[in-house]
């Protein structure tokens, strides 16, 4: 029997109610700095000891080399893999109507049997419900209906049924430059220092000053220790990022927030089995996609600032297929969906706090009841 370990943990919920553990300062820093809720900060560089043991099957490695890769090859390779793994089942493509999901949907329709592809989305006639595909991106909804493409509505139905595999557009915003931003939010990172960062205030400052100033805004952590703990992590970047604040922050996101976008909240849904959760595919995750991200975003510095706009290769890919600029414009409007398409409206979307590799899915109450028998999962 394999060693007891974590598949998925609701880190912020655990931190909020269980302070018995000795949480590292970098971990407390990231629980507040990472914007996704629930976030699950996990180091992928090997320079930091994570809070808990992760089952080896669910550890996501970073490629050791940066190399130029074709985005179209990344897209079509991932589609071929999913198509092969799906066998005779439907491929449920979850659509928010946003930029990343609209791109992957175009890819599946071009590279698979269309009768096998099933768009999955919410529908609502109420104009104010921006989460519904027909309201957020009416051009994409019209495209699906007018072309008689298969679809399944999420409204009060089973989230991940057994007759399909699922595909979600994560972690697309790592390469597509999600333009959701305000004075305290960009790139999925929360800090009131964003105006200064984007206005080049930190251009000639050290990375230590940048991280310390961000951490100073978080009362739960010691900013000086955060800087000390992250030193080896910054050194582990495949190129020198110390003098580029936006590359530093992109590297933080690519490392610490990546696993959470791939091993997603569906693993915390008790009605979704591990086997079924393993067949919820984060489309923009693969070694090849990661190499594209490292080369394009980190090395070349593209798609890491608001003024860079959205990924032009993705725009051209969509335009060549949909032939409808309005569909792309809708996909890029504000406010974006930010993933809500696969959380609300479904009876089996209630999250628990922890999924272990022994089959157990625990609530806060059952976590406390079982803590003595599972505490070996934590590095203390």
Protein backbone atom coordinates (compact mmCIF):
# COMPACT_ATOMS: atom_id res chain seq x y z
CA UNK A 1 0.00 0.00 0.00
CA UNK A 2 1.32 3.44 -0.92
CA UNK A 3 2.27 5.98 1.74
CA UNK A 4 -0.64 8.11 2.96
CA UNK A 5 -0.55 11.42 1.09
CA UNK A 6 -2.66 14.28 -0.20
CA UNK A 7 -4.32 14.48 -3.58
CA UNK A 8 -6.01 17.84 -2.97
CA UNK A 9 -6.23 20.21 0.00
CA UNK A 10 -8.36 23.32 0.55
CA UNK A 11 -5.38 25.19 1.97
CA UNK A 12 -7.00 28.47 2.97
CA UNK A 13 -9.91 26.75 4.71
CA UNK A 14 -7.45 24.58 6.66
CA UNK A 15 -5.38 27.60 7.66
CA UNK A 16 -8.44 29.55 8.77
CA UNK A 17 -9.65 26.92 11.23
CA UNK A 18 -6.59 24.79 12.12
CA UNK A 19 -3.63 26.73 13.51
CA UNK A 20 -1.99 23.74 15.23
CA UNK A 21 0.38 23.28 12.28
CA UNK A 22 3.58 25.30 11.83
CA UNK A 23 2.84 27.09 8.58
CA UNK A 24 5.96 28.43 6.79
CA UNK A 25 6.01 32.18 6.23
CA UNK A 26 6.18 31.77 2.44
CA UNK A 27 3.08 29.60 2.64
CA UNK A 28 1.12 32.16 4.67
CA UNK A 29 2.28 34.87 2.27
CA UNK A 30 0.99 32.95 -0.75
CA UNK A 31 -2.35 32.05 0.83
CA UNK A 32 -3.14 35.76 0.68
CA UNK A 33 -1.15 36.75 -2.42
CA UNK A 34 -2.64 34.11 -4.74
CA UNK A 35 -6.02 35.33 -5.90
CA UNK A 36 -7.73 32.06 -6.69
CA UNK A 37 -10.06 30.76 -3.99
CA UNK A 38 -9.38 28.14 -2.84
CA UNK A 39 -5.70 28.49 -3.62
CA UNK A 40 -3.26 25.67 -2.90
CA UNK A 41 0.34 26.95 -2.83
CA UNK A 42 2.68 24.16 -3.88
CA UNK A 43 6.35 24.60 -4.76
CA UNK A 44 7.40 22.79 -7.95
CA UNK A 45 11.09 23.78 -7.97
CA UNK A 46 12.17 21.58 -5.06
CA UNK A 47 13.71 24.55 -3.24
CA UNK A 48 11.05 24.63 -0.52
CA UNK A 49 9.52 21.96 1.67
CA UNK A 50 5.78 21.89 1.09
CA UNK A 51 3.47 21.80 4.09
CA UNK A 52 2.30 18.25 3.37
CA UNK A 53 3.08 15.10 1.41
CA UNK A 54 1.58 15.02 -2.08
CA UNK A 55 0.88 11.70 -3.79
CA UNK A 56 3.61 11.35 -6.49
CA UNK A 57 0.96 10.86 -9.19
CA UNK A 58 -0.26 14.41 -8.57
CA UNK A 59 3.10 16.20 -8.47
CA UNK A 60 3.53 18.41 -11.53
CA UNK A 61 7.11 18.92 -12.66
CA UNK A 62 8.55 21.93 -14.46
CA UNK A 63 10.49 21.18 -17.68
CA UNK A 64 14.23 21.46 -17.15
CA UNK A 65 14.92 23.37 -20.37
CA UNK A 66 13.39 26.35 -22.16
CA UNK A 67 12.78 25.82 -25.85
CA UNK A 68 10.65 27.40 -28.55
CA UNK A 69 7.47 25.42 -29.17
CA UNK A 70 4.60 25.98 -31.60
CA UNK A 71 1.37 26.89 -29.80
CA UNK A 72 -0.68 25.13 -32.48
CA UNK A 73 1.34 21.94 -31.87
CA UNK A 74 0.63 22.28 -28.15
CA UNK A 75 -3.10 22.63 -28.79
CA UNK A 76 -3.40 19.79 -31.27
CA UNK A 77 -1.16 17.40 -29.32
CA UNK A 78 -3.29 17.89 -26.20
CA UNK A 79 -6.49 17.33 -28.19
CA UNK A 80 -5.14 14.10 -29.67
CA UNK A 81 -4.18 12.82 -26.21
CA UNK A 82 -7.61 13.59 -24.74
CA UNK A 83 -9.39 12.18 -27.77
CA UNK A 84 -7.46 8.93 -27.44
CA UNK A 85 -8.06 8.64 -23.69
CA UNK A 86 -11.78 9.35 -24.03
CA UNK A 87 -12.41 6.18 -26.02
CA UNK A 88 -16.11 5.99 -26.90
CA UNK A 89 -17.15 8.64 -24.37
CA UNK A 90 -18.18 12.22 -25.07
CA UNK A 91 -15.62 14.96 -24.61
CA UNK A 92 -17.36 17.59 -22.48
CA UNK A 93 -15.76 20.96 -23.21
CA UNK A 94 -16.66 23.37 -20.40
CA UNK A 95 -17.38 26.82 -21.81
CA UNK A 96 -17.51 30.05 -19.85
CA UNK A 97 -17.43 31.87 -23.18
CA UNK A 98 -14.12 33.44 -22.24
CA UNK A 99 -10.91 33.62 -24.24
CA UNK A 100 -9.27 30.38 -23.11
CA UNK A 101 -12.34 28.16 -23.35
CA UNK A 102 -13.38 29.56 -26.75
CA UNK A 103 -9.89 28.78 -28.09
CA UNK A 104 -9.88 25.17 -26.92
CA UNK A 105 -13.42 24.59 -28.21
CA UNK A 106 -12.31 25.69 -31.68
CA UNK A 107 -9.47 23.20 -31.45
CA UNK A 108 -11.68 20.24 -30.56
CA UNK A 109 -14.20 20.95 -33.31
CA UNK A 110 -11.39 21.09 -35.88
CA UNK A 111 -9.55 17.96 -34.77
CA UNK A 112 -12.22 15.49 -33.56
CA UNK A 113 -15.45 13.91 -34.65
CA UNK A 114 -17.91 16.75 -33.98
CA UNK A 115 -20.57 14.32 -32.74
CA UNK A 116 -18.22 13.38 -29.90
CA UNK A 117 -17.68 16.97 -28.73
CA UNK A 118 -20.23 18.28 -26.25
CA UNK A 119 -20.15 21.92 -25.17
CA UNK A 120 -21.06 22.28 -21.49
CA UNK A 121 -22.34 25.59 -20.12
CA UNK A 122 -25.00 27.39 -18.13
CA UNK A 123 -28.00 29.03 -19.79
CA UNK A 124 -30.17 31.77 -18.37
CA UNK A 125 -32.64 34.15 -19.98
CA UNK A 126 -31.99 36.76 -17.30
CA UNK A 127 -29.79 39.44 -18.81
CA UNK A 128 -28.04 40.15 -15.49
CA UNK A 129 -26.71 36.60 -15.16
CA UNK A 130 -23.30 37.12 -16.69
CA UNK A 131 -22.23 33.60 -15.79
CA UNK A 132 -24.53 32.13 -18.43
CA UNK A 133 -22.86 31.51 -21.81
CA UNK A 134 -25.78 32.96 -23.76
CA UNK A 135 -25.41 36.24 -21.84
CA UNK A 136 -21.62 36.46 -21.61
CA UNK A 137 -20.81 35.38 -25.18
CA UNK A 138 -24.02 35.34 -27.24
CA UNK A 139 -22.00 34.97 -30.45
CA UNK A 140 -20.50 31.67 -29.26
CA UNK A 141 -23.89 30.44 -28.04
CA UNK A 142 -25.40 31.31 -31.45
CA UNK A 143 -22.52 29.51 -33.22
CA UNK A 144 -23.23 26.32 -31.26
CA UNK A 145 -26.98 26.41 -31.89
CA UNK A 146 -26.83 27.50 -35.55
CA UNK A 147 -24.36 24.72 -36.39
CA UNK A 148 -26.28 22.06 -34.46
CA UNK A 149 -23.28 21.22 -32.29
CA UNK A 150 -23.92 19.02 -29.29
CA UNK A 151 -24.25 20.70 -25.92
CA UNK A 152 -25.24 19.96 -22.33
CA UNK A 153 -26.62 22.52 -19.89
CA UNK A 154 -25.11 22.63 -16.42
CA UNK A 155 -28.22 24.02 -14.80
CA UNK A 156 -28.95 21.67 -11.87
CA UNK A 157 -27.47 18.63 -13.60
CA UNK A 158 -24.62 16.26 -12.82
CA UNK A 159 -21.34 18.06 -13.15
CA UNK A 160 -19.09 15.29 -14.48
CA UNK A 161 -21.25 12.36 -15.69
CA UNK A 162 -19.87 8.90 -16.41
CA UNK A 163 -20.60 9.05 -20.15
CA UNK A 164 -17.88 11.66 -20.73
CA UNK A 165 -14.46 13.02 -19.93
CA UNK A 166 -14.27 16.73 -19.09
CA UNK A 167 -12.03 19.51 -20.36
CA UNK A 168 -11.58 22.86 -18.62
CA UNK A 169 -9.54 25.83 -19.85
CA UNK A 170 -6.97 25.79 -17.05
CA UNK A 171 -4.29 27.12 -16.69
CA UNK A 172 -4.89 29.17 -19.83
CA UNK A 173 -4.41 32.55 -18.19
CA UNK A 174 -0.75 31.65 -17.61
CA UNK A 175 -0.13 32.05 -21.35
CA UNK A 176 -3.08 34.09 -22.65
CA UNK A 177 -2.53 37.20 -20.47
CA UNK A 178 -5.89 37.44 -18.75
CA UNK A 179 -6.71 41.14 -18.81
CA UNK A 180 -8.79 41.06 -15.62
CA UNK A 181 -7.06 43.63 -13.49
CA UNK A 182 -7.63 46.55 -11.15
CA UNK A 183 -5.53 48.41 -8.62
CA UNK A 184 -5.07 45.30 -6.49
CA UNK A 185 -5.45 42.35 -8.88
CA UNK A 186 -3.59 41.13 -11.96
CA UNK A 187 -2.19 37.77 -13.12
CA UNK A 188 -4.24 36.09 -10.39
CA UNK A 189 -2.17 37.89 -7.72
CA UNK A 190 -3.57 40.26 -5.09
CA UNK A 191 -1.59 43.24 -3.84
CA UNK A 192 -2.15 46.98 -3.58
CA UNK A 193 1.34 47.39 -5.09
CA UNK A 194 0.13 46.65 -8.62
CA UNK A 195 -0.12 50.33 -9.69
CA UNK A 196 3.50 50.89 -8.61
CA UNK A 197 4.64 47.65 -10.28
CA UNK A 198 2.93 48.47 -13.58
CA UNK A 199 4.22 52.06 -13.47
CA UNK A 200 7.85 50.86 -13.19
CA UNK A 201 8.39 52.03 -9.60
CA UNK A 202 10.22 48.74 -8.95
CA UNK A 203 12.19 48.78 -12.19
CA UNK A 204 15.47 49.67 -10.47
CA UNK A 205 14.75 48.05 -7.13
CA UNK A 206 15.82 44.61 -5.94
CA UNK A 207 13.53 41.61 -6.00
CA UNK A 208 13.88 41.53 -2.21
CA UNK A 209 12.34 45.01 -1.95
CA UNK A 210 9.47 44.00 -4.24
CA UNK A 211 8.58 40.86 -2.26
CA UNK A 212 9.06 42.58 1.11
CA UNK A 213 6.78 45.46 0.15
CA UNK A 214 4.07 43.05 -1.03
CA UNK A 215 4.43 40.88 2.08
CA UNK A 216 4.32 43.96 4.33
CA UNK A 217 0.71 44.35 3.23
CA UNK A 218 -0.16 40.91 4.64
CA UNK A 219 -0.50 40.92 8.41
CA UNK A 220 -0.29 37.11 8.75
CA UNK A 221 3.32 36.76 7.62
CA UNK A 222 6.78 38.08 8.50
CA UNK A 223 7.99 39.83 5.33
CA UNK A 224 11.69 39.54 6.21
CA UNK A 225 11.42 35.77 6.64
CA UNK A 226 9.34 35.47 3.45
CA UNK A 227 12.20 37.05 1.49
CA UNK A 228 14.74 34.73 3.12
CA UNK A 229 12.65 31.63 2.41
CA UNK A 230 12.07 32.58 -1.25
CA UNK A 231 15.73 33.29 -2.07
CA UNK A 232 16.56 29.83 -3.43
CA UNK A 233 13.25 29.80 -5.31
CA UNK A 234 14.15 33.02 -7.16
CA UNK A 235 17.60 31.58 -7.93
CA UNK A 236 15.93 28.45 -9.36
CA UNK A 237 14.35 30.34 -12.26
CA UNK A 238 15.75 29.06 -15.59
CA UNK A 239 16.81 32.59 -16.54
CA UNK A 240 17.85 35.63 -14.50
CA UNK A 241 14.59 37.32 -13.45
CA UNK A 242 15.91 39.38 -10.53
CA UNK A 243 15.75 42.71 -12.36
CA UNK A 244 12.30 42.29 -13.90
CA UNK A 245 9.39 42.63 -11.44
CA UNK A 246 6.78 41.26 -13.85
CA UNK A 247 8.87 38.19 -14.67
CA UNK A 248 9.38 37.60 -10.95
CA UNK A 249 5.63 37.68 -10.33
CA UNK A 250 4.87 35.53 -13.38
CA UNK A 251 7.41 32.97 -12.11
CA UNK A 252 5.70 32.95 -8.71
CA UNK A 253 2.35 32.32 -10.37
CA UNK A 254 3.74 29.67 -12.74
CA UNK A 255 5.30 27.76 -9.87
CA UNK A 256 3.02 28.14 -6.87
CA UNK A 257 -0.42 28.56 -8.48
CA UNK A 258 -0.02 26.06 -11.33
CA UNK A 259 -0.84 22.79 -9.54
CA UNK A 260 -4.03 24.26 -8.13
CA UNK A 261 -5.25 25.01 -11.66
CA UNK A 262 -4.53 21.47 -12.88
CA UNK A 263 -5.42 19.36 -9.85
CA UNK A 264 -8.52 21.46 -9.37
CA UNK A 265 -11.42 21.76 -6.93
CA UNK A 266 -13.27 18.86 -8.53
CA UNK A 267 -11.02 16.59 -6.43
CA UNK A 268 -12.71 18.06 -3.32
CA UNK A 269 -16.19 17.14 -4.52
CA UNK A 270 -17.26 13.97 -2.66
CA UNK A 271 -19.67 12.90 -5.39
CA UNK A 272 -16.87 12.94 -7.98
CA UNK A 273 -14.73 9.80 -7.68
CA UNK A 274 -10.94 9.93 -8.01
CA UNK A 275 -11.16 8.04 -11.29
CA UNK A 276 -13.67 10.54 -12.66
CA UNK A 277 -11.67 13.49 -11.32
CA UNK A 278 -8.59 12.10 -13.09
CA UNK A 279 -10.61 12.45 -16.29
CA UNK A 280 -11.20 16.16 -15.81
CA UNK A 281 -8.44 17.52 -18.01
CA UNK A 282 -6.93 20.99 -17.63
CA UNK A 283 -6.47 21.73 -21.30
CA UNK A 284 -3.45 24.05 -21.18
CA UNK A 285 -1.35 21.71 -19.06
CA UNK A 286 1.36 19.55 -20.63
CA UNK A 287 5.14 19.57 -20.82
CA UNK A 288 4.85 21.13 -24.24
CA UNK A 289 2.50 23.88 -23.05
CA UNK A 290 4.84 24.59 -20.12
CA UNK A 291 7.79 24.92 -22.49
CA UNK A 292 5.74 27.36 -24.58
CA UNK A 293 4.94 29.39 -21.44
CA UNK A 294 8.54 29.46 -20.26
CA UNK A 295 9.87 30.50 -23.67
CA UNK A 296 7.14 33.00 -24.61
CA UNK A 297 6.24 34.57 -21.26
CA UNK A 298 9.33 34.16 -19.09
CA UNK A 299 12.23 34.32 -21.56
CA UNK A 300 10.68 36.66 -24.15
CA UNK A 301 8.54 38.59 -21.66
CA UNK A 302 5.39 38.45 -23.80
CA UNK A 303 1.82 38.50 -22.45
CA UNK A 304 2.84 39.52 -18.94
CA UNK A 305 1.68 43.17 -19.00
CA UNK A 306 -1.84 44.58 -19.57
CA UNK A 307 -0.65 46.58 -22.58
CA UNK A 308 0.52 43.37 -24.28
CA UNK A 309 -3.13 42.42 -24.83
CA UNK A 310 -4.29 38.85 -25.31
CA UNK A 311 -2.22 36.14 -26.96
CA UNK A 312 -2.28 36.96 -30.68
CA UNK A 313 -1.65 33.35 -31.71
CA UNK A 314 -4.83 32.33 -29.90
CA UNK A 315 -6.75 35.21 -31.47
CA UNK A 316 -5.65 34.18 -34.97
CA UNK A 317 -6.44 30.53 -34.25
CA UNK A 318 -9.99 31.41 -33.22
CA UNK A 319 -10.53 33.85 -36.05
CA UNK A 320 -9.45 31.34 -38.69
CA UNK A 321 -12.09 28.91 -37.42
CA UNK A 322 -15.03 30.96 -36.16
CA UNK A 323 -14.60 33.74 -38.75
CA UNK A 324 -16.46 36.05 -36.38
CA UNK A 325 -14.62 38.90 -34.70
CA UNK A 326 -17.57 39.61 -32.42
CA UNK A 327 -17.24 36.14 -30.87
CA UNK A 328 -13.61 36.90 -29.98
CA UNK A 329 -14.53 40.37 -28.71
CA UNK A 330 -17.17 38.89 -26.41
CA UNK A 331 -14.63 36.33 -25.14
CA UNK A 332 -12.30 39.16 -24.14
CA UNK A 333 -14.77 41.46 -22.40
CA UNK A 334 -14.95 42.42 -18.75
CA UNK A 335 -15.86 41.08 -16.31
CA UNK A 336 -14.45 37.68 -17.12
CA UNK A 337 -15.94 34.48 -15.76
CA UNK A 338 -12.90 33.38 -13.76
CA UNK A 339 -13.95 29.74 -13.70
CA UNK A 340 -17.38 29.95 -12.09
CA UNK A 341 -18.89 27.83 -14.84
CA UNK A 342 -17.96 24.60 -13.05
CA UNK A 343 -18.81 25.60 -9.49
CA UNK A 344 -22.34 26.98 -9.32
CA UNK A 345 -25.66 25.45 -10.38
CA UNK A 346 -24.68 21.82 -9.77
CA UNK A 347 -25.79 19.69 -6.82
CA UNK A 348 -22.47 17.81 -6.67
CA UNK A 349 -20.20 20.88 -6.61
CA UNK A 350 -20.00 21.25 -2.81
CA UNK A 351 -16.34 21.28 -1.76
CA UNK A 352 -14.78 19.41 1.16
CA UNK A 353 -11.45 20.28 2.76
CA UNK A 354 -9.17 17.33 1.93
CA UNK A 355 -8.91 14.35 -0.41
CA UNK A 356 -6.40 11.64 0.52
CA UNK A 357 -4.98 8.87 -1.63
CA UNK A 358 -6.73 6.28 0.58
CA UNK A 359 -10.11 7.25 -0.88
CA UNK A 360 -11.26 9.51 1.95
CA UNK A 361 -12.75 12.96 1.34
CA UNK A 362 -12.89 14.91 4.61
CA UNK A 363 -14.95 17.81 5.89
CA UNK A 364 -13.65 20.13 8.61
CA UNK A 365 -15.41 17.99 11.20
CA UNK A 366 -14.11 14.65 9.94
CA UNK A 367 -10.63 16.16 9.53
CA UNK A 368 -10.59 17.05 13.22
CA UNK A 369 -12.01 13.66 14.17
CA UNK A 370 -9.34 11.83 12.15
CA UNK A 371 -6.37 14.17 12.65
CA UNK A 372 -4.33 11.85 14.88
CA UNK A 373 -4.54 9.05 12.32
CA UNK A 374 -3.61 11.26 9.35
CA UNK A 375 -1.18 13.81 10.83
CA UNK A 376 1.71 11.91 9.23
CA UNK A 377 0.83 13.64 5.95
CA UNK A 378 2.16 16.94 7.31
CA UNK A 379 5.86 17.82 7.41
CA UNK A 380 6.33 19.09 10.96
